[in-house]
Protein backbone atom coordinates (compact mmCIF):
# COMPACT_ATOMS: atom_id res chain seq x y z
CA PHE A 1 161.30 54.95 93.81
CA CYS A 2 158.68 53.16 91.68
CA ASP A 3 156.98 54.78 88.70
CA VAL A 4 153.23 55.30 88.43
CA ASP A 5 150.54 54.40 85.91
CA GLU A 6 147.62 56.54 84.71
CA SER A 7 146.05 56.35 88.15
CA LEU A 8 149.07 58.41 89.31
CA GLN A 9 149.55 55.78 92.01
CA ILE A 10 152.42 53.29 92.28
CA ASN A 11 152.45 50.88 89.33
CA PRO A 12 152.28 47.33 90.80
CA SER A 13 153.74 45.80 87.63
CA GLN A 14 157.05 47.58 88.23
CA ILE A 15 157.53 46.78 91.92
CA GLU A 16 159.13 43.35 91.57
CA SER A 17 161.97 44.64 89.40
CA LEU A 18 162.90 47.24 92.02
CA ILE A 19 163.17 44.91 95.01
CA THR A 20 166.75 44.42 96.23
CA PRO A 21 168.29 42.52 99.16
CA ARG A 22 168.04 45.79 101.11
CA THR A 23 164.28 46.21 100.56
CA VAL A 24 162.26 45.83 103.75
CA ALA A 25 158.94 47.45 102.82
CA ILE A 26 156.75 48.76 100.01
CA ALA A 27 155.32 52.22 100.66
CA PRO A 28 152.39 53.01 98.34
CA THR A 29 151.07 56.57 98.44
CA HIS A 30 147.32 57.12 98.06
CA HIS A 31 147.81 60.27 96.06
CA TRP A 32 145.41 63.24 96.16
CA GLY A 33 142.23 61.41 97.10
CA ASN A 34 142.75 58.40 94.85
CA VAL A 35 143.80 54.95 96.08
CA ALA A 36 146.65 52.68 95.04
CA ASP A 37 145.79 49.28 93.57
CA MET A 38 146.47 47.42 96.81
CA ASP A 39 145.65 43.78 96.01
CA PRO A 40 148.69 43.14 93.77
CA ILE A 41 150.88 45.18 96.12
CA LEU A 42 149.85 43.07 99.10
CA ARG A 43 150.41 39.87 97.12
CA ILE A 44 153.95 40.92 96.18
CA ALA A 45 154.73 41.91 99.76
CA LYS A 46 153.48 38.60 101.13
CA THR A 47 155.41 36.59 98.55
CA ARG A 48 158.64 38.50 99.15
CA GLY A 49 158.33 38.79 102.93
CA LEU A 50 158.05 42.58 102.92
CA LYS A 51 156.02 45.02 105.03
CA VAL A 52 153.54 47.46 103.51
CA ILE A 53 153.46 51.02 104.83
CA GLU A 54 150.59 53.06 103.41
CA ASP A 55 151.03 56.82 102.99
CA CYS A 56 147.46 58.08 103.47
CA ALA A 57 148.28 61.75 104.03
CA GLN A 58 146.21 62.92 101.07
CA ALA A 59 143.44 60.33 101.21
CA PRO A 60 142.09 59.85 104.75
CA GLY A 61 138.63 58.33 104.47
CA ALA A 62 139.27 56.79 101.04
CA THR A 63 138.56 53.09 100.69
CA TYR A 64 139.82 50.20 98.58
CA ARG A 65 137.35 47.37 98.02
CA GLY A 66 135.44 48.31 101.14
CA LYS A 67 138.44 48.76 103.44
CA TYR A 68 139.78 52.11 104.58
CA VAL A 69 143.22 53.09 103.39
CA GLY A 70 145.70 52.68 106.19
CA THR A 71 144.13 49.40 107.32
CA LEU A 72 145.23 47.21 104.40
CA GLY A 73 148.98 47.17 105.00
CA ASP A 74 151.06 46.72 108.14
CA ILE A 75 151.15 50.44 108.96
CA GLY A 76 149.02 53.37 107.79
CA CYS A 77 150.39 56.93 108.11
CA PHE A 78 148.17 60.02 108.04
CA SER A 79 148.90 63.73 108.05
CA ILE A 80 146.86 66.42 109.77
CA SER A 81 147.57 69.95 108.60
CA ALA A 82 145.85 73.04 107.30
CA TYR A 83 146.00 72.00 103.64
CA LYS A 84 144.92 68.38 103.97
CA ILE A 85 141.32 67.12 103.82
CA ILE A 86 141.00 67.69 107.55
CA GLY A 87 143.24 69.80 109.72
CA GLY A 88 143.69 71.28 113.13
CA GLY A 89 147.31 72.27 113.40
CA GLU A 90 150.34 70.11 112.68
CA GLY A 91 150.19 66.45 113.56
CA GLY A 92 149.55 62.99 112.29
CA LEU A 93 148.13 59.54 112.95
CA VAL A 94 149.55 56.05 112.63
CA LEU A 95 147.49 52.87 112.42
CA THR A 96 148.68 49.30 112.86
CA ASN A 97 147.18 46.01 114.02
CA ASP A 98 150.46 44.81 115.57
CA GLU A 99 150.94 45.68 119.23
CA ARG A 100 154.75 45.54 119.19
CA THR A 101 154.86 47.79 116.15
CA PHE A 102 152.56 50.24 117.89
CA ASP A 103 154.80 50.22 120.98
CA ARG A 104 157.75 51.07 118.79
CA ILE A 105 155.87 53.86 117.03
CA ARG A 106 154.90 55.44 120.33
CA GLN A 107 158.46 55.20 121.69
CA ILE A 108 159.85 56.86 118.55
CA ALA A 109 157.27 59.64 118.79
CA GLU A 110 157.85 60.55 122.43
CA GLY A 111 160.71 58.58 123.94
CA GLY A 112 159.85 59.15 127.59
CA GLY A 113 158.03 55.88 128.13
CA LEU A 114 154.83 57.67 129.15
CA TRP A 115 152.78 55.17 127.17
CA ARG A 116 154.06 52.20 129.19
CA PRO A 117 152.13 50.74 132.17
CA ASP A 118 155.16 51.65 134.31
CA ARG A 119 157.23 54.21 132.47
CA PHE A 120 160.31 53.69 134.67
CA ALA A 121 160.30 49.88 134.61
CA HIS A 122 162.95 47.79 132.88
CA PRO A 123 162.12 46.66 129.35
CA ARG A 124 159.39 44.03 129.20
CA TYR A 125 160.96 42.63 126.03
CA GLU A 126 164.12 43.23 124.00
CA GLY A 127 164.04 46.48 122.03
CA GLU A 128 161.07 48.02 123.86
CA ILE A 129 162.94 51.11 125.14
CA PHE A 130 165.26 53.38 123.15
CA PRO A 131 165.82 57.13 122.72
CA GLY A 132 162.86 58.68 120.92
CA THR A 133 162.34 62.05 119.23
CA ASN A 134 159.70 63.73 121.43
CA TYR A 135 157.97 64.89 118.24
CA ARG A 136 154.48 64.89 119.71
CA MET A 137 151.58 67.08 118.75
CA SER A 138 150.33 69.30 121.54
CA GLU A 139 147.28 68.42 123.62
CA LEU A 140 145.47 71.46 122.20
CA GLU A 141 146.00 70.29 118.62
CA ALA A 142 145.02 66.75 119.57
CA SER A 143 141.78 67.91 121.18
CA ILE A 144 140.87 69.92 118.06
CA ASN A 145 141.60 66.97 115.82
CA VAL A 146 139.45 64.62 117.88
CA VAL A 147 136.57 66.86 116.80
CA GLN A 148 137.84 67.24 113.24
CA ILE A 149 138.14 63.51 112.64
CA ARG A 150 134.46 63.04 113.44
CA LYS A 151 133.71 65.18 110.36
CA LEU A 152 135.92 63.19 108.00
CA LEU A 153 133.46 60.71 106.51
CA GLN A 154 130.90 63.44 105.88
CA ILE A 155 133.55 65.54 104.13
CA CYS A 156 134.55 62.60 101.93
CA GLU A 157 130.95 61.82 101.05
CA ARG A 158 130.28 65.43 99.99
CA TYR A 159 133.31 65.35 97.69
CA ARG A 160 132.29 62.00 96.23
CA ARG A 161 128.73 63.10 95.57
CA ILE A 162 129.82 66.26 93.74
CA SER A 163 132.69 64.75 91.74
CA ARG A 164 130.64 61.73 90.63
CA ARG A 165 127.84 63.97 89.45
CA ILE A 166 130.30 66.02 87.41
CA LEU A 167 132.02 62.98 85.88
CA GLY A 168 128.68 61.37 85.11
CA LYS A 169 127.83 64.29 82.83
CA LEU A 170 131.15 64.57 81.00
CA HIS A 171 131.59 63.48 77.38
CA ILE A 172 134.57 61.39 76.32
CA PHE A 173 137.17 62.60 73.85
CA ARG A 174 139.87 61.04 71.70
CA GLU A 175 142.60 63.43 72.89
CA ILE A 176 141.77 63.14 76.59
CA LYS A 177 142.65 60.34 79.01
CA PRO A 178 140.99 60.76 82.42
CA GLN A 179 142.95 59.66 85.48
CA THR A 180 142.41 55.95 86.15
CA ILE A 181 140.39 55.44 89.33
CA ASN A 182 141.40 52.17 91.01
CA ASP A 183 138.26 52.08 93.15
CA SER A 184 135.48 54.43 92.08
CA ALA A 185 133.49 53.76 95.27
CA GLY A 186 136.45 54.59 97.50
CA TRP A 187 137.85 57.55 95.55
CA ILE A 188 137.33 60.81 97.43
CA GLY A 189 137.22 63.03 94.35
CA TYR A 190 138.40 66.40 95.58
CA LEU A 191 140.43 66.75 92.38
CA ILE A 192 139.47 65.79 88.84
CA ARG A 193 142.56 65.05 86.76
CA LEU A 194 142.90 64.49 83.03
CA PHE A 195 145.76 64.00 80.60
CA PRO A 196 145.49 65.82 77.26
CA ALA A 197 147.61 64.40 74.46
CA THR A 198 150.13 67.28 74.37
CA HIS A 199 151.47 70.01 76.64
CA GLU A 200 150.11 72.62 74.25
CA LEU A 201 146.63 71.16 74.46
CA SER A 202 146.88 71.01 78.26
CA SER A 203 147.77 74.69 78.42
CA ALA A 204 144.95 75.73 76.09
CA ILE A 205 142.38 73.66 78.00
CA ALA A 206 143.48 74.99 81.39
CA LYS A 207 143.27 78.61 80.21
CA ALA A 208 139.86 78.05 78.66
CA LEU A 209 138.53 76.40 81.82
CA GLN A 210 139.75 79.35 83.85
CA ALA A 211 137.94 81.68 81.46
CA GLU A 212 134.78 79.70 82.22
CA GLY A 213 135.29 80.38 85.93
CA ILE A 214 136.47 76.83 86.68
CA GLY A 215 139.50 76.42 88.93
CA ALA A 216 141.97 74.52 86.75
CA TRP A 217 145.72 74.44 86.21
CA THR A 218 148.52 72.61 84.45
CA ARG A 219 152.27 72.64 85.10
CA GLY A 220 153.79 72.21 81.66
CA PRO A 221 157.14 70.64 80.78
CA THR A 222 159.31 73.38 82.34
CA HIS A 223 157.70 73.70 85.76
CA PRO A 224 159.88 74.58 88.77
CA PRO A 225 160.90 71.85 91.25
CA ASP A 226 157.99 70.20 93.04
CA TRP A 227 158.61 67.74 95.87
CA HIS A 228 155.57 65.70 94.78
CA LEU A 229 157.84 64.39 92.01
CA CYS A 230 160.55 62.00 93.13
CA THR A 231 163.13 63.59 90.85
CA ASP A 232 162.55 66.87 92.70
CA MET A 233 162.62 65.45 96.24
CA LEU A 234 165.81 67.32 96.97
CA PRO A 235 166.26 66.17 100.61
CA VAL A 236 166.48 62.62 99.24
CA VAL A 237 168.02 62.91 95.77
CA LEU A 238 170.83 65.17 97.01
CA LYS A 239 171.55 62.54 99.69
CA GLN A 240 172.10 65.17 102.35
CA SER A 241 172.06 64.83 106.14
CA HIS A 242 171.46 67.07 109.15
CA SER A 243 175.01 66.29 110.31
CA PRO A 244 178.26 65.07 108.72
CA GLY A 245 178.19 61.32 108.24
CA GLY A 246 174.55 61.11 109.22
CA SER A 247 173.14 60.32 105.79
CA VAL A 248 171.51 56.92 105.40
CA PHE A 249 173.45 56.62 102.15
CA GLU A 250 176.65 56.63 104.21
CA ASP A 251 175.45 54.05 106.74
CA PHE A 252 177.84 51.08 106.79
CA ARG A 253 174.91 48.65 106.85
CA TYR A 254 173.68 50.08 103.56
CA LEU A 255 177.12 50.15 101.99
CA GLN A 256 178.08 46.66 103.16
CA ARG A 257 175.01 45.25 101.44
CA GLY A 258 175.92 46.85 98.12
CA GLY A 259 173.88 50.02 98.45
CA SER A 260 174.61 52.57 95.73
CA VAL A 261 172.04 54.73 94.00
CA GLU A 262 172.02 57.84 91.83
CA TYR A 263 168.74 59.65 91.30
CA ARG A 264 168.74 60.96 87.74
CA GLU A 265 166.26 59.95 85.05
CA ILE A 266 163.76 58.01 87.16
CA CYS A 267 159.99 57.57 86.94
CA PRO A 268 159.53 58.87 83.36
CA VAL A 269 155.79 58.12 83.36
CA ALA A 270 155.26 60.24 86.48
CA ASN A 271 157.32 63.07 85.00
CA ASP A 272 155.31 62.98 81.76
CA LEU A 273 151.85 62.73 83.32
CA TYR A 274 152.57 65.34 85.97
CA ALA A 275 153.63 67.84 83.30
CA ARG A 276 150.64 67.19 81.02
CA GLU A 277 147.84 66.78 83.52
CA VAL A 278 145.07 69.33 83.86
CA THR A 279 143.73 69.43 87.40
CA ILE A 280 140.27 70.72 88.31
CA ALA A 281 139.50 71.46 91.95
CA VAL A 282 136.18 70.33 93.42
CA ASP A 283 134.48 72.12 96.32
CA GLN A 284 132.64 69.94 98.82
CA TRP A 285 130.07 72.69 99.33
CA TRP A 286 128.98 72.95 95.69
CA THR A 287 125.28 72.46 95.08
CA VAL A 288 123.83 70.16 92.43
CA ARG A 289 123.43 73.19 90.20
CA ASP A 290 127.06 74.17 90.76
CA ALA A 291 128.19 70.67 89.79
CA ASP A 292 126.04 70.74 86.65
CA ASP A 293 127.40 74.16 85.68
CA VAL A 294 130.99 72.94 86.13
CA ALA A 295 130.28 69.84 84.04
CA ALA A 296 128.74 71.98 81.31
CA GLY A 297 131.77 74.27 81.34
CA ILE A 298 134.19 71.34 81.07
CA ASN A 299 132.19 69.85 78.18
CA LYS A 300 132.14 73.21 76.42
CA VAL A 301 135.90 73.61 76.63
CA LEU A 302 136.81 70.02 75.74
CA SER A 303 134.37 70.03 72.82
CA ALA A 304 136.08 73.13 71.45
CA TYR A 305 139.56 71.56 71.49
CA CYS A 306 138.97 67.81 71.21
CA THR A 307 137.11 65.16 69.21
CA HIS A 308 134.13 63.27 70.60
CA ASP A 309 134.89 59.55 70.48
CA PRO A 310 132.58 56.83 71.86
CA ASN A 311 135.58 54.50 72.11
CA ALA A 312 137.69 56.87 74.20
CA LYS A 313 138.55 56.21 77.82
CA LYS A 314 135.62 56.80 80.17
CA TRP A 315 135.80 59.05 83.21
CA LEU A 316 134.78 56.32 85.67
């Protein structure tokens, strides 16, 4: 695991120190509508001979310097479910510009060779055929999502328009650090996130925003486990398996190459920011007046608890 910076995305400056002889890929997550700072990540990967696998589950339609997330690395992975930006049942998408990689992805997903020109033929190249999982979405879900995906760019643009209008009207405060936006043009903006200086201030601001009718929340330092935090990703940190001896941590290839890890106090920046952040939800269907009312409410609350400072960090 690699810690984050104030963008709440992977911190490129920490990646190099975490690379080991067992590292094969860097997997940046474009978290909650924001985008990772991909240029330095891609440079590191190229220099070290690593693949880049983008997790785009929470940012489909976001862009980084004019390119859609999922198209910058070697593989882009997307999630389709009821609580993502678009949904139509359970499923997902994978993008790659490498044909052999795509063959392998399809074989893992279904395993029956139905994607091949002749499904029953001998392998056309070494490693083409192997037992897959048959974890395919249904045709009904796929047909719904074909329609849903056509709506994606319009959804993203509505979020951007509303969130930018709100941020453009917000004052800046000494005690508040807004989330860093790595690409303001590509950011989707369905959540506005800020980091008050203390947990107590976060709690007071969240409660006051709620009293203004603004959907806001904060977790605080004693929040229950949340799998968005690596320290709470129990399926990984407990190193469990679906069957005895099936854990990757017990694989002889991992152990022979010196693999040994204990997940304890890791990613302190993520733990701190995640506990202090105040999150404000944005609705894509808000009108201009709605956005202005929300901005006025945020300014009212922050002005009551914080100090106006022209030198403070700007929202965008």
